[in-house]
All heavy atoms as atom14 arrays in JSON, in Angstrom:
{
  "sequence": "EPGALALPELVALKQADPDAFKLRTHTIRTDGAW",
  "atom14_mask": [
    [1, 1, 1, 1, 1, 1, 1, 1, 1, 0, 0, 0, 0, 0],
    [1, 1, 1, 1, 1, 1, 1, 0, 0, 0, 0, 0, 0, 0],
    [1, 1, 1, 1, 0, 0, 0, 0, 0, 0, 0, 0, 0, 0],
    [1, 1, 1, 1, 1, 0, 0, 0, 0, 0, 0, 0, 0, 0],
    [1, 1, 1, 1, 1, 1, 1, 1, 0, 0, 0, 0, 0, 0],
    [1, 1, 1, 1, 1, 0, 0, 0, 0, 0, 0, 0, 0, 0],
    [1, 1, 1, 1, 1, 1, 1, 1, 0, 0, 0, 0, 0, 0],
    [1, 1, 1, 1, 1, 1, 1, 0, 0, 0, 0, 0, 0, 0],
    [1, 1, 1, 1, 1, 1, 1, 1, 1, 0, 0, 0, 0, 0],
    [1, 1, 1, 1, 1, 1, 1, 1, 0, 0, 0, 0, 0, 0],
    [1, 1, 1, 1, 1, 1, 1, 0, 0, 0, 0, 0, 0, 0],
    [1, 1, 1, 1, 1, 0, 0, 0, 0, 0, 0, 0, 0, 0],
    [1, 1, 1, 1, 1, 1, 1, 1, 0, 0, 0, 0, 0, 0],
    [1, 1, 1, 1, 1, 1, 1, 1, 1, 0, 0, 0, 0, 0],
    [1, 1, 1, 1, 1, 1, 1, 1, 1, 0, 0, 0, 0, 0],
    [1, 1, 1, 1, 1, 0, 0, 0, 0, 0, 0, 0, 0, 0],
    [1, 1, 1, 1, 1, 1, 1, 1, 0, 0, 0, 0, 0, 0],
    [1, 1, 1, 1, 1, 1, 1, 0, 0, 0, 0, 0, 0, 0],
    [1, 1, 1, 1, 1, 1, 1, 1, 0, 0, 0, 0, 0, 0],
    [1, 1, 1, 1, 1, 0, 0, 0, 0, 0, 0, 0, 0, 0],
    [1, 1, 1, 1, 1, 1, 1, 1, 1, 1, 1, 0, 0, 0],
    [1, 1, 1, 1, 1, 1, 1, 1, 1, 0, 0, 0, 0, 0],
    [1, 1, 1, 1, 1, 1, 1, 1, 0, 0, 0, 0, 0, 0],
    [1, 1, 1, 1, 1, 1, 1, 1, 1, 1, 1, 0, 0, 0],
    [1, 1, 1, 1, 1, 1, 1, 0, 0, 0, 0, 0, 0, 0],
    [1, 1, 1, 1, 1, 1, 1, 1, 1, 1, 0, 0, 0, 0],
    [1, 1, 1, 1, 1, 1, 1, 0, 0, 0, 0, 0, 0, 0],
    [1, 1, 1, 1, 1, 1, 1, 1, 0, 0, 0, 0, 0, 0],
    [1, 1, 1, 1, 1, 1, 1, 1, 1, 1, 1, 0, 0, 0],
    [1, 1, 1, 1, 1, 1, 1, 0, 0, 0, 0, 0, 0, 0],
    [1, 1, 1, 1, 1, 1, 1, 1, 0, 0, 0, 0, 0, 0],
    [1, 1, 1, 1, 0, 0, 0, 0, 0, 0, 0, 0, 0, 0],
    [1, 1, 1, 1, 1, 0, 0, 0, 0, 0, 0, 0, 0, 0],
    [1, 1, 1, 1, 1, 1, 1, 1, 1, 1, 1, 1, 1, 1]
  ],
  "atom14_positions": [
    [[118.77, 24.18, 99.14], [117.43, 24.48, 98.65], [117.01, 25.93, 98.95], [116.59, 26.65, 98.03], [116.41, 23.49, 99.23], [116.49, 22.1, 98.63], [115.32, 21.25, 99.03], [114.25, 21.81, 99.41], [115.45, 20.0, 99.02], [0.0, 0.0, 0.0], [0.0, 0.0, 0.0], [0.0, 0.0, 0.0], [0.0, 0.0, 0.0], [0.0, 0.0, 0.0]],
    [[117.14, 26.43, 100.19], [116.76, 27.82, 100.43], [117.65, 28.8, 99.66], [117.15, 29.84, 99.21], [116.97, 27.98, 101.95], [116.84, 26.61, 102.5], [117.42, 25.71, 101.45], [0.0, 0.0, 0.0], [0.0, 0.0, 0.0], [0.0, 0.0, 0.0], [0.0, 0.0, 0.0], [0.0, 0.0, 0.0], [0.0, 0.0, 0.0], [0.0, 0.0, 0.0]],
    [[118.91, 28.46, 99.5], [119.8, 29.31, 98.71], [119.36, 29.43, 97.25], [119.4, 30.52, 96.68], [0.0, 0.0, 0.0], [0.0, 0.0, 0.0], [0.0, 0.0, 0.0], [0.0, 0.0, 0.0], [0.0, 0.0, 0.0], [0.0, 0.0, 0.0], [0.0, 0.0, 0.0], [0.0, 0.0, 0.0], [0.0, 0.0, 0.0], [0.0, 0.0, 0.0]],
    [[118.92, 28.31, 96.7], [118.43, 28.34, 95.33], [117.22, 29.21, 95.15], [117.04, 29.82, 94.08], [118.18, 26.91, 94.87], [0.0, 0.0, 0.0], [0.0, 0.0, 0.0], [0.0, 0.0, 0.0], [0.0, 0.0, 0.0], [0.0, 0.0, 0.0], [0.0, 0.0, 0.0], [0.0, 0.0, 0.0], [0.0, 0.0, 0.0], [0.0, 0.0, 0.0]],
    [[116.37, 29.22, 96.16], [115.12, 29.98, 96.05], [115.31, 31.49, 96.09], [114.34, 32.26, 95.96], [114.14, 29.54, 97.19], [113.63, 28.13, 97.01], [112.77, 27.72, 98.24], [112.78, 27.98, 95.74], [0.0, 0.0, 0.0], [0.0, 0.0, 0.0], [0.0, 0.0, 0.0], [0.0, 0.0, 0.0], [0.0, 0.0, 0.0], [0.0, 0.0, 0.0]],
    [[116.54, 31.93, 96.23], [116.88, 33.37, 96.1], [116.97, 33.75, 94.62], [117.07, 34.95, 94.28], [118.16, 33.73, 96.82], [0.0, 0.0, 0.0], [0.0, 0.0, 0.0], [0.0, 0.0, 0.0], [0.0, 0.0, 0.0], [0.0, 0.0, 0.0], [0.0, 0.0, 0.0], [0.0, 0.0, 0.0], [0.0, 0.0, 0.0], [0.0, 0.0, 0.0]],
    [[116.98, 32.73, 93.74], [117.13, 32.96, 92.3], [115.81, 32.72, 91.6], [115.19, 31.66, 91.74], [118.19, 32.03, 91.73], [119.56, 32.11, 92.42], [120.48, 30.97, 91.91], [120.23, 33.46, 92.15], [0.0, 0.0, 0.0], [0.0, 0.0, 0.0], [0.0, 0.0, 0.0], [0.0, 0.0, 0.0], [0.0, 0.0, 0.0], [0.0, 0.0, 0.0]],
    [[115.33, 33.67, 90.8], [113.99, 33.53, 90.14], [113.91, 32.27, 89.29], [112.85, 31.64, 89.22], [113.88, 34.78, 89.3], [114.82, 35.81, 89.95], [115.92, 34.99, 90.53], [0.0, 0.0, 0.0], [0.0, 0.0, 0.0], [0.0, 0.0, 0.0], [0.0, 0.0, 0.0], [0.0, 0.0, 0.0], [0.0, 0.0, 0.0], [0.0, 0.0, 0.0]],
    [[115.01, 31.89, 88.64], [114.96, 30.7, 87.76], [114.68, 29.45, 88.55], [113.96, 28.55, 88.08], [116.31, 30.56, 87.02], [116.65, 31.71, 86.11], [117.47, 32.8, 86.8], [117.43, 32.91, 88.05], [118.14, 33.56, 86.06], [0.0, 0.0, 0.0], [0.0, 0.0, 0.0], [0.0, 0.0, 0.0], [0.0, 0.0, 0.0], [0.0, 0.0, 0.0]],
    [[115.21, 29.37, 89.78], [115.0, 28.17, 90.6], [113.62, 28.19, 91.22], [112.99, 27.14, 91.42], [116.09, 28.06, 91.67], [117.41, 27.35, 91.27], [117.13, 25.89, 90.86], [118.15, 28.07, 90.18], [0.0, 0.0, 0.0], [0.0, 0.0, 0.0], [0.0, 0.0, 0.0], [0.0, 0.0, 0.0], [0.0, 0.0, 0.0], [0.0, 0.0, 0.0]],
    [[113.09, 29.35, 91.53], [111.71, 29.48, 92.02], [110.76, 28.95, 90.98], [109.84, 28.16, 91.26], [111.39, 30.92, 92.37], [109.9, 31.07, 92.74], [112.25, 31.4, 93.56], [0.0, 0.0, 0.0], [0.0, 0.0, 0.0], [0.0, 0.0, 0.0], [0.0, 0.0, 0.0], [0.0, 0.0, 0.0], [0.0, 0.0, 0.0], [0.0, 0.0, 0.0]],
    [[110.98, 29.37, 89.73], [110.11, 28.92, 88.61], [110.26, 27.44, 88.41], [109.27, 26.73, 88.15], [110.46, 29.67, 87.34], [0.0, 0.0, 0.0], [0.0, 0.0, 0.0], [0.0, 0.0, 0.0], [0.0, 0.0, 0.0], [0.0, 0.0, 0.0], [0.0, 0.0, 0.0], [0.0, 0.0, 0.0], [0.0, 0.0, 0.0], [0.0, 0.0, 0.0]],
    [[111.48, 26.9, 88.51], [111.69, 25.46, 88.31], [110.96, 24.65, 89.4], [110.36, 23.62, 89.11], [113.2, 25.15, 88.35], [113.55, 23.69, 88.11], [113.12, 23.21, 86.74], [115.06, 23.49, 88.31], [0.0, 0.0, 0.0], [0.0, 0.0, 0.0], [0.0, 0.0, 0.0], [0.0, 0.0, 0.0], [0.0, 0.0, 0.0], [0.0, 0.0, 0.0]],
    [[111.02, 25.14, 90.64], [110.32, 24.42, 91.72], [108.82, 24.35, 91.47], [108.18, 23.31, 91.73], [110.61, 25.06, 93.05], [110.02, 24.29, 94.24], [110.42, 24.88, 95.58], [109.84, 24.01, 96.7], [110.22, 24.54, 98.06], [0.0, 0.0, 0.0], [0.0, 0.0, 0.0], [0.0, 0.0, 0.0], [0.0, 0.0, 0.0], [0.0, 0.0, 0.0]],
    [[108.28, 25.45, 90.97], [106.83, 25.49, 90.69], [106.48, 24.57, 89.51], [105.45, 23.9, 89.53], [106.41, 26.92, 90.41], [106.51, 27.84, 91.63], [106.26, 29.3, 91.27], [106.3, 29.69, 90.1], [106.05, 30.11, 92.3], [0.0, 0.0, 0.0], [0.0, 0.0, 0.0], [0.0, 0.0, 0.0], [0.0, 0.0, 0.0], [0.0, 0.0, 0.0]],
    [[107.35, 24.55, 88.5], [107.04, 23.77, 87.29], [107.38, 22.29, 87.44], [106.67, 21.45, 86.92], [107.81, 24.37, 86.11], [0.0, 0.0, 0.0], [0.0, 0.0, 0.0], [0.0, 0.0, 0.0], [0.0, 0.0, 0.0], [0.0, 0.0, 0.0], [0.0, 0.0, 0.0], [0.0, 0.0, 0.0], [0.0, 0.0, 0.0], [0.0, 0.0, 0.0]],
    [[108.48, 21.99, 88.13], [108.96, 20.59, 88.19], [109.71, 20.39, 89.52], [110.93, 20.54, 89.56], [109.86, 20.29, 87.0], [110.19, 18.83, 86.85], [110.06, 18.07, 87.85], [110.62, 18.39, 85.76], [0.0, 0.0, 0.0], [0.0, 0.0, 0.0], [0.0, 0.0, 0.0], [0.0, 0.0, 0.0], [0.0, 0.0, 0.0], [0.0, 0.0, 0.0]],
    [[109.02, 20.06, 90.59], [109.68, 19.9, 91.9], [110.82, 18.87, 91.88], [111.81, 19.06, 92.58], [108.54, 19.43, 92.82], [107.32, 19.98, 92.18], [107.56, 19.89, 90.7], [0.0, 0.0, 0.0], [0.0, 0.0, 0.0], [0.0, 0.0, 0.0], [0.0, 0.0, 0.0], [0.0, 0.0, 0.0], [0.0, 0.0, 0.0], [0.0, 0.0, 0.0]],
    [[110.65, 17.81, 91.1], [111.72, 16.78, 91.09], [112.98, 17.36, 90.42], [114.1, 17.08, 90.9], [111.25, 15.56, 90.28], [110.2, 14.78, 91.06], [110.12, 14.9, 92.29], [109.43, 14.02, 90.41], [0.0, 0.0, 0.0], [0.0, 0.0, 0.0], [0.0, 0.0, 0.0], [0.0, 0.0, 0.0], [0.0, 0.0, 0.0], [0.0, 0.0, 0.0]],
    [[112.83, 18.12, 89.35], [114.0, 18.74, 88.71], [114.63, 19.76, 89.62], [115.88, 19.86, 89.69], [113.57, 19.4, 87.39], [0.0, 0.0, 0.0], [0.0, 0.0, 0.0], [0.0, 0.0, 0.0], [0.0, 0.0, 0.0], [0.0, 0.0, 0.0], [0.0, 0.0, 0.0], [0.0, 0.0, 0.0], [0.0, 0.0, 0.0], [0.0, 0.0, 0.0]],
    [[113.81, 20.47, 90.37], [114.35, 21.44, 91.35], [115.2, 20.73, 92.39], [116.31, 21.17, 92.74], [113.21, 22.18, 92.05], [113.65, 23.04, 93.2], [114.21, 24.3, 93.01], [113.48, 22.6, 94.52], [114.61, 25.08, 94.08], [113.89, 23.36, 95.59], [114.45, 24.63, 95.37], [0.0, 0.0, 0.0], [0.0, 0.0, 0.0], [0.0, 0.0, 0.0]],
    [[114.71, 19.6, 92.92], [115.44, 18.86, 93.92], [116.76, 18.34, 93.35], [117.78, 18.38, 94.03], [114.61, 17.72, 94.45], [115.25, 17.0, 95.62], [114.31, 16.01, 96.29], [114.94, 15.36, 97.5], [114.03, 14.45, 98.23], [0.0, 0.0, 0.0], [0.0, 0.0, 0.0], [0.0, 0.0, 0.0], [0.0, 0.0, 0.0], [0.0, 0.0, 0.0]],
    [[116.72, 17.89, 92.11], [117.96, 17.39, 91.49], [118.98, 18.51, 91.39], [120.17, 18.33, 91.67], [117.66, 16.81, 90.11], [118.82, 16.24, 89.34], [119.43, 15.02, 90.1], [118.42, 15.85, 87.95], [0.0, 0.0, 0.0], [0.0, 0.0, 0.0], [0.0, 0.0, 0.0], [0.0, 0.0, 0.0], [0.0, 0.0, 0.0], [0.0, 0.0, 0.0]],
    [[118.54, 19.7, 90.97], [119.46, 20.83, 90.82], [120.05, 21.25, 92.16], [121.23, 21.57, 92.24], [118.73, 22.02, 90.2], [118.34, 21.86, 88.74], [119.54, 21.76, 87.82], [119.11, 21.72, 86.42], [119.9, 21.32, 85.42], [121.16, 20.92, 85.73], [119.48, 21.32, 84.2], [0.0, 0.0, 0.0], [0.0, 0.0, 0.0], [0.0, 0.0, 0.0]],
    [[119.23, 21.23, 93.2], [119.7, 21.76, 94.48], [120.44, 20.69, 95.31], [121.16, 21.08, 96.25], [118.5, 22.3, 95.3], [117.51, 21.28, 95.44], [117.88, 23.5, 94.61], [0.0, 0.0, 0.0], [0.0, 0.0, 0.0], [0.0, 0.0, 0.0], [0.0, 0.0, 0.0], [0.0, 0.0, 0.0], [0.0, 0.0, 0.0], [0.0, 0.0, 0.0]],
    [[120.28, 19.45, 95.01], [120.94, 18.4, 95.79], [122.17, 17.84, 95.07], [122.87, 16.98, 95.63], [119.96, 17.28, 96.1], [118.98, 17.6, 97.15], [118.84, 16.87, 98.33], [118.06, 18.62, 97.26], [117.87, 17.42, 99.08], [117.4, 18.46, 98.44], [0.0, 0.0, 0.0], [0.0, 0.0, 0.0], [0.0, 0.0, 0.0], [0.0, 0.0, 0.0]],
    [[122.47, 18.31, 93.87], [123.64, 17.83, 93.15], [124.78, 18.81, 93.33], [124.77, 19.94, 92.82], [123.34, 17.69, 91.64], [122.19, 16.8, 91.48], [124.51, 17.09, 90.9], [0.0, 0.0, 0.0], [0.0, 0.0, 0.0], [0.0, 0.0, 0.0], [0.0, 0.0, 0.0], [0.0, 0.0, 0.0], [0.0, 0.0, 0.0], [0.0, 0.0, 0.0]],
    [[125.79, 18.37, 94.08], [126.96, 19.22, 94.39], [128.0, 18.99, 93.31], [128.21, 17.88, 92.82], [127.48, 18.87, 95.78], [126.46, 19.35, 96.84], [128.85, 19.52, 96.04], [126.85, 19.04, 98.27], [0.0, 0.0, 0.0], [0.0, 0.0, 0.0], [0.0, 0.0, 0.0], [0.0, 0.0, 0.0], [0.0, 0.0, 0.0], [0.0, 0.0, 0.0]],
    [[128.71, 20.03, 92.97], [129.7, 19.99, 91.89], [130.82, 18.97, 92.21], [131.18, 18.75, 93.37], [130.29, 21.36, 91.64], [130.93, 22.02, 92.84], [131.09, 23.54, 92.66], [132.01, 23.88, 91.6], [132.42, 25.13, 91.3], [131.95, 26.14, 92.04], [133.25, 25.38, 90.34], [0.0, 0.0, 0.0], [0.0, 0.0, 0.0], [0.0, 0.0, 0.0]],
    [[131.38, 18.41, 91.17], [132.42, 17.35, 91.32], [133.68, 17.73, 90.56], [134.46, 16.88, 90.19], [131.87, 16.04, 90.75], [131.46, 16.19, 89.37], [130.7, 15.53, 91.56], [0.0, 0.0, 0.0], [0.0, 0.0, 0.0], [0.0, 0.0, 0.0], [0.0, 0.0, 0.0], [0.0, 0.0, 0.0], [0.0, 0.0, 0.0], [0.0, 0.0, 0.0]],
    [[133.87, 19.02, 90.4], [135.08, 19.51, 89.65], [136.23, 19.85, 90.55], [137.2, 20.51, 90.1], [134.69, 20.7, 88.78], [134.11, 21.86, 89.57], [133.96, 21.71, 90.8], [133.78, 22.92, 88.97], [0.0, 0.0, 0.0], [0.0, 0.0, 0.0], [0.0, 0.0, 0.0], [0.0, 0.0, 0.0], [0.0, 0.0, 0.0], [0.0, 0.0, 0.0]],
    [[136.16, 19.51, 91.84], [137.24, 19.8, 92.75], [136.94, 20.89, 93.76], [137.66, 21.06, 94.74], [0.0, 0.0, 0.0], [0.0, 0.0, 0.0], [0.0, 0.0, 0.0], [0.0, 0.0, 0.0], [0.0, 0.0, 0.0], [0.0, 0.0, 0.0], [0.0, 0.0, 0.0], [0.0, 0.0, 0.0], [0.0, 0.0, 0.0], [0.0, 0.0, 0.0]],
    [[135.84, 21.66, 93.53], [135.48, 22.71, 94.48], [134.98, 22.1, 95.79], [135.14, 22.67, 96.86], [134.44, 23.66, 93.9], [0.0, 0.0, 0.0], [0.0, 0.0, 0.0], [0.0, 0.0, 0.0], [0.0, 0.0, 0.0], [0.0, 0.0, 0.0], [0.0, 0.0, 0.0], [0.0, 0.0, 0.0], [0.0, 0.0, 0.0], [0.0, 0.0, 0.0]],
    [[134.31, 20.96, 95.68], [133.86, 20.18, 96.87], [134.69, 18.94, 96.94], [134.83, 18.2, 95.95], [132.37, 19.86, 96.76], [131.87, 18.93, 97.85], [132.08, 17.61, 97.96], [131.1, 19.32, 99.0], [131.48, 17.11, 99.11], [130.84, 18.13, 99.75], [130.53, 20.49, 99.45], [130.06, 18.13, 100.93], [129.77, 20.48, 100.61], [129.56, 19.31, 101.34]]
  ]
}
């Protein structure tokens, strides 16, 4: 979450839709990097 807030797009998303922001920041990739 703090890492995302370094990006203007995520700051705007948190202000506009906190639930969508949480989904974006709590969803970890599943393509093999994690």
